[in-house]
Amino acid sequence: MALLLHEKVAVVTGASSGIGAATAKLLGREGARVVLAARREAELEAVADSLREAGTPALTVKCDLSNEVEVVSLVGRALDSFGGLDILVNAAGIAAFGEVAHGRTAEWRAMLEVNALGLSLLSREVAAVMMEAHKGDIVNLACRPGQEPYCSAFYDATKAFVLAFSDKLRREVRTHGIRVMTIIPGAVQTGLGAGAPGLEEHRVGIDALHPEDVAEAIMHALIRPRRITYEAIELVPTLEEEG
């Protein structure tokens, strides 16, 4: 059976754990050559080793998305190693929780730099490469703003930024053969927000999504015929409350 992503080159951020790691593994199983990026080197190498053991060419790049030099270097290393860039999955993100009245400026700034600015910087560098090649897919991870009571207003705001940014970027690059798609998951078993006030109470009776569920949604979007762009895919646990 032919692999769905044979010889495609994919960059996945946040690839040391959670959705990023699950996505990197799935893309690799379907034939992609994977560039795994994250800040935690040991965890990143462990994920990459599992890909290599399965025969997937995998490159790890320690990258802090809040550092523009490291973002530019990430793209350069991907091109140097694999000669092209077909897929970008922006799965990296950080979160701090609590009410606005008790928010910490340093935590807000960190979320802004990674979730919004970092994603934008990497998308800029990748879009330039893809526009020259007249092909490519950019997949961004957002969330359901306002649906999770334990999330902070500022975290929700950075993810709302992702939705707006993705929508405008899609319009800018679609004539170059590039698709920009957003995945919007509800509660996922990633460890994000562990210990946050209201989290455990909110999730009572909810069978939260697995990282692999989100990875499957990403793959589904990627393998659609090029005439189809899923602007956004929203997936939630069956019993998650609405509103």
Protein backbone atom coordinates (compact mmCIF):
# COMPACT_ATOMS: atom_id res chain seq x y z
CA MET A 1 0.00 0.00 0.00
CA ALA A 2 1.35 3.41 -0.95
CA LEU A 3 2.21 5.73 1.92
CA LEU A 4 0.03 8.81 2.05
CA LEU A 5 2.88 11.27 2.63
CA HIS A 6 5.71 9.53 0.81
CA GLU A 7 8.84 11.71 0.77
CA LYS A 8 7.02 14.79 2.07
CA VAL A 9 9.04 16.97 4.45
CA ALA A 10 7.16 17.98 7.59
CA VAL A 11 8.17 20.35 10.38
CA VAL A 12 6.29 19.76 13.64
CA THR A 13 6.69 22.08 16.61
CA GLY A 14 5.92 21.03 20.15
CA ALA A 15 7.09 17.60 19.04
CA SER A 16 8.56 16.51 22.38
CA SER A 17 5.17 15.47 23.79
CA GLY A 18 1.40 15.58 23.44
CA ILE A 19 -0.21 16.50 20.14
CA GLY A 20 3.10 17.43 18.52
CA ALA A 21 4.70 14.07 19.30
CA ALA A 22 1.62 12.12 18.20
CA THR A 23 1.49 14.09 14.95
CA ALA A 24 5.18 13.61 14.21
CA LYS A 25 4.82 9.86 14.68
CA LEU A 26 1.73 9.61 12.49
CA LEU A 27 3.24 11.68 9.67
CA GLY A 28 6.35 9.54 9.85
CA ARG A 29 4.36 6.32 9.62
CA GLU A 30 2.78 7.65 6.45
CA GLY A 31 6.14 8.25 4.80
CA ALA A 32 7.02 11.84 5.70
CA ARG A 33 10.53 12.92 6.59
CA VAL A 34 10.03 14.71 9.87
CA VAL A 35 11.76 17.67 11.48
CA LEU A 36 10.87 17.69 15.17
CA ALA A 37 11.21 20.97 17.04
CA ALA A 38 10.79 21.75 20.72
CA ARG A 39 12.68 23.19 23.68
CA ARG A 40 13.16 19.94 25.64
CA GLU A 41 16.03 18.10 23.95
CA ALA A 42 15.90 14.80 25.83
CA GLU A 43 12.19 14.30 25.25
CA LEU A 44 12.56 15.42 21.64
CA GLU A 45 15.30 12.87 20.97
CA ALA A 46 13.21 10.11 22.55
CA VAL A 47 10.36 10.80 20.12
CA ALA A 48 12.77 11.03 17.19
CA ASP A 49 14.39 7.73 18.15
CA SER A 50 11.03 6.00 18.00
CA LEU A 51 10.57 7.34 14.47
CA ARG A 52 14.05 6.27 13.38
CA GLU A 53 13.52 2.79 14.77
CA ALA A 54 10.49 2.54 12.48
CA GLY A 55 12.56 3.65 9.50
CA THR A 56 11.47 7.31 9.39
CA PRO A 57 14.14 9.91 8.61
CA ALA A 58 13.93 12.32 11.55
CA LEU A 59 15.83 15.47 12.44
CA THR A 60 15.58 17.12 15.84
CA VAL A 61 16.08 20.85 16.31
CA LYS A 62 16.06 22.48 19.72
CA CYS A 63 14.02 25.60 19.13
CA ASP A 64 12.51 28.26 21.36
CA LEU A 65 9.80 29.87 19.25
CA SER A 66 10.18 33.12 21.15
CA ASN A 67 13.71 33.40 19.73
CA GLU A 68 13.62 34.65 16.12
CA VAL A 69 17.18 33.50 15.41
CA GLU A 70 16.30 29.95 16.42
CA VAL A 71 13.11 30.03 14.33
CA VAL A 72 15.02 31.08 11.21
CA SER A 73 17.66 28.44 11.94
CA LEU A 74 14.98 25.75 12.24
CA VAL A 75 13.77 26.37 8.70
CA GLY A 76 17.31 26.54 7.38
CA ARG A 77 18.23 23.22 8.95
CA ALA A 78 15.11 21.56 7.55
CA LEU A 79 16.00 22.76 4.05
CA ASP A 80 19.65 21.78 4.40
CA SER A 81 18.76 18.29 5.60
CA PHE A 82 15.83 17.42 3.35
CA GLY A 83 15.93 19.93 0.49
CA GLY A 84 12.38 21.20 0.77
CA LEU A 85 9.43 21.83 3.04
CA ASP A 86 5.93 20.54 2.37
CA ILE A 87 4.13 20.61 5.71
CA LEU A 88 4.26 22.77 8.83
CA VAL A 89 2.31 21.78 11.92
CA ASN A 90 2.35 24.51 14.57
CA ALA A 91 1.52 22.39 17.61
CA ALA A 92 3.70 24.17 20.18
CA GLY A 93 2.03 26.21 22.86
CA ILE A 94 2.35 27.19 26.49
CA ALA A 95 -0.32 28.07 29.00
CA ALA A 96 -0.72 29.76 32.35
CA PHE A 97 -4.03 29.71 34.16
CA GLY A 98 -5.97 31.88 36.54
CA GLU A 99 -8.12 34.98 36.61
CA VAL A 100 -7.07 38.24 35.00
CA ALA A 101 -6.98 40.02 38.37
CA HIS A 102 -4.23 37.66 39.47
CA GLY A 103 -2.39 37.39 36.16
CA ARG A 104 1.39 37.60 36.01
CA THR A 105 2.93 39.79 33.33
CA ALA A 106 5.84 37.41 32.73
CA GLU A 107 3.44 34.52 32.08
CA TRP A 108 1.34 36.63 29.74
CA ARG A 109 4.42 37.75 27.83
CA ALA A 110 5.66 34.16 27.48
CA MET A 111 2.32 32.99 26.08
CA LEU A 112 2.23 35.89 23.66
CA GLU A 113 5.76 35.24 22.43
CA VAL A 114 5.26 31.52 21.85
CA ASN A 115 1.57 31.07 21.02
CA ALA A 116 1.20 34.15 18.83
CA LEU A 117 4.50 35.74 17.82
CA GLY A 118 6.47 32.49 17.58
CA LEU A 119 3.81 30.82 15.48
CA SER A 120 3.72 33.90 13.25
CA LEU A 121 7.50 34.03 12.80
CA LEU A 122 7.72 30.38 11.83
CA SER A 123 4.72 30.65 9.52
CA ARG A 124 6.35 33.65 7.83
CA GLU A 125 9.61 31.80 7.20
CA VAL A 126 7.85 28.66 5.98
CA ALA A 127 5.33 30.54 3.82
CA ALA A 128 8.19 32.24 1.96
CA VAL A 129 9.69 28.85 1.12
CA MET A 130 6.36 27.38 0.11
CA MET A 131 5.43 30.37 -2.05
CA GLU A 132 8.61 29.90 -4.04
CA ALA A 133 7.77 26.22 -4.51
CA HIS A 134 4.06 26.98 -5.18
CA LYS A 135 2.90 24.26 -2.82
CA GLY A 136 2.56 23.38 0.84
CA ASP A 137 0.33 22.98 3.87
CA ILE A 138 0.37 24.93 7.13
CA VAL A 139 -1.67 23.53 10.01
CA ASN A 140 -2.16 25.58 13.17
CA LEU A 141 -3.52 24.44 16.52
CA ALA A 142 -6.04 26.69 18.24
CA CYS A 143 -8.57 25.95 20.99
CA ARG A 144 -12.19 26.65 21.85
CA PRO A 145 -12.02 30.13 23.42
CA GLY A 146 -14.18 30.53 26.47
CA GLN A 147 -15.21 26.88 26.64
CA GLU A 148 -12.71 25.77 29.28
CA PRO A 149 -13.34 27.57 32.60
CA TYR A 150 -9.85 26.78 33.90
CA CYS A 151 -8.12 28.51 30.96
CA SER A 152 -7.00 32.09 31.41
CA ALA A 153 -8.43 34.94 29.39
CA PHE A 154 -4.95 35.68 28.09
CA TYR A 155 -4.37 32.10 26.92
CA ASP A 156 -7.73 32.17 25.15
CA ALA A 157 -6.73 35.46 23.55
CA THR A 158 -3.51 34.02 22.14
CA LYS A 159 -5.48 31.16 20.61
CA ALA A 160 -8.06 33.54 19.18
CA PHE A 161 -5.09 35.26 17.57
CA VAL A 162 -4.19 31.96 15.91
CA LEU A 163 -7.64 31.76 14.33
CA ALA A 164 -7.50 35.32 12.99
CA PHE A 165 -3.91 34.99 11.81
CA SER A 166 -4.63 31.71 10.03
CA ASP A 167 -7.65 33.15 8.26
CA LYS A 168 -5.73 36.10 6.86
CA LEU A 169 -2.66 34.04 5.96
CA ARG A 170 -4.87 31.58 4.09
CA ARG A 171 -6.18 34.38 1.89
CA GLU A 172 -2.69 35.66 1.20
CA VAL A 173 -1.11 32.38 0.10
CA ARG A 174 -3.89 30.32 -1.45
CA THR A 175 -3.07 31.51 -5.00
CA HIS A 176 0.40 30.06 -4.47
CA GLY A 177 -0.97 26.56 -3.96
CA ILE A 178 -0.65 26.72 -0.18
CA ARG A 179 -3.37 25.60 2.19
CA VAL A 180 -3.67 27.02 5.71
CA MET A 181 -5.84 24.98 8.06
CA THR A 182 -6.71 25.25 11.74
CA ILE A 183 -7.46 22.41 14.13
CA ILE A 184 -9.62 23.38 17.11
CA PRO A 185 -9.71 20.65 19.77
CA GLY A 186 -11.55 20.63 23.04
CA ALA A 187 -10.15 18.93 26.13
CA VAL A 188 -7.12 16.78 25.29
CA GLN A 189 -5.09 14.48 27.55
CA THR A 190 -1.79 16.34 27.20
CA GLY A 191 -0.99 17.43 30.73
CA LEU A 192 -1.51 21.07 29.75
CA GLY A 193 -3.15 22.82 32.66
CA ALA A 194 -2.55 20.04 35.16
CA GLY A 195 -3.43 21.33 38.60
CA ALA A 196 -5.27 24.37 37.28
CA PRO A 197 -8.30 25.48 39.34
CA GLY A 198 -11.51 24.03 37.93
CA LEU A 199 -9.85 21.53 35.59
CA GLU A 200 -10.63 18.30 37.39
CA GLU A 201 -14.16 19.38 38.26
CA HIS A 202 -14.84 20.37 34.66
CA ARG A 203 -13.63 17.07 33.28
CA VAL A 204 -15.64 14.79 35.55
CA GLY A 205 -17.45 12.35 33.28
CA ILE A 206 -15.59 13.53 30.17
CA ASP A 207 -13.47 11.07 28.21
CA ALA A 208 -11.00 13.67 26.97
CA LEU A 209 -9.52 13.44 23.51
CA HIS A 210 -6.20 11.69 23.07
CA PRO A 211 -3.31 13.42 21.28
CA GLU A 212 -3.61 10.75 18.61
CA ASP A 213 -7.20 11.85 17.92
CA VAL A 214 -5.97 15.32 17.06
CA ALA A 215 -3.12 13.92 14.99
CA GLU A 216 -5.66 11.91 12.98
CA ALA A 217 -7.65 15.08 12.30
CA ILE A 218 -4.48 16.78 11.06
CA MET A 219 -3.72 13.85 8.78
CA HIS A 220 -7.27 13.85 7.47
CA ALA A 221 -6.93 17.49 6.47
CA LEU A 222 -3.53 16.98 4.87
CA ILE A 223 -4.52 14.12 2.59
CA ARG A 224 -7.61 15.75 1.10
CA PRO A 225 -7.36 16.52 -2.62
CA ARG A 226 -5.61 19.84 -3.23
CA ARG A 227 -8.88 21.40 -4.37
CA ILE A 228 -10.16 21.09 -0.78
CA THR A 229 -9.06 23.25 2.15
CA TYR A 230 -10.49 22.60 5.58
CA GLU A 231 -10.39 26.11 6.98
CA ALA A 232 -11.07 24.73 10.45
CA ILE A 233 -11.77 21.37 12.01
CA GLU A 234 -13.32 21.39 15.47
CA LEU A 235 -13.31 18.22 17.52
CA VAL A 236 -14.43 17.77 21.10
CA PRO A 237 -15.02 14.95 23.56
CA THR A 238 -18.52 13.59 23.12
CA LEU A 239 -19.60 14.64 26.61
CA GLU A 240 -17.87 18.03 26.75
CA GLU A 241 -20.27 20.81 27.70
CA GLU A 242 -21.07 23.56 25.26
CA GLY A 243 -21.30 27.27 26.04
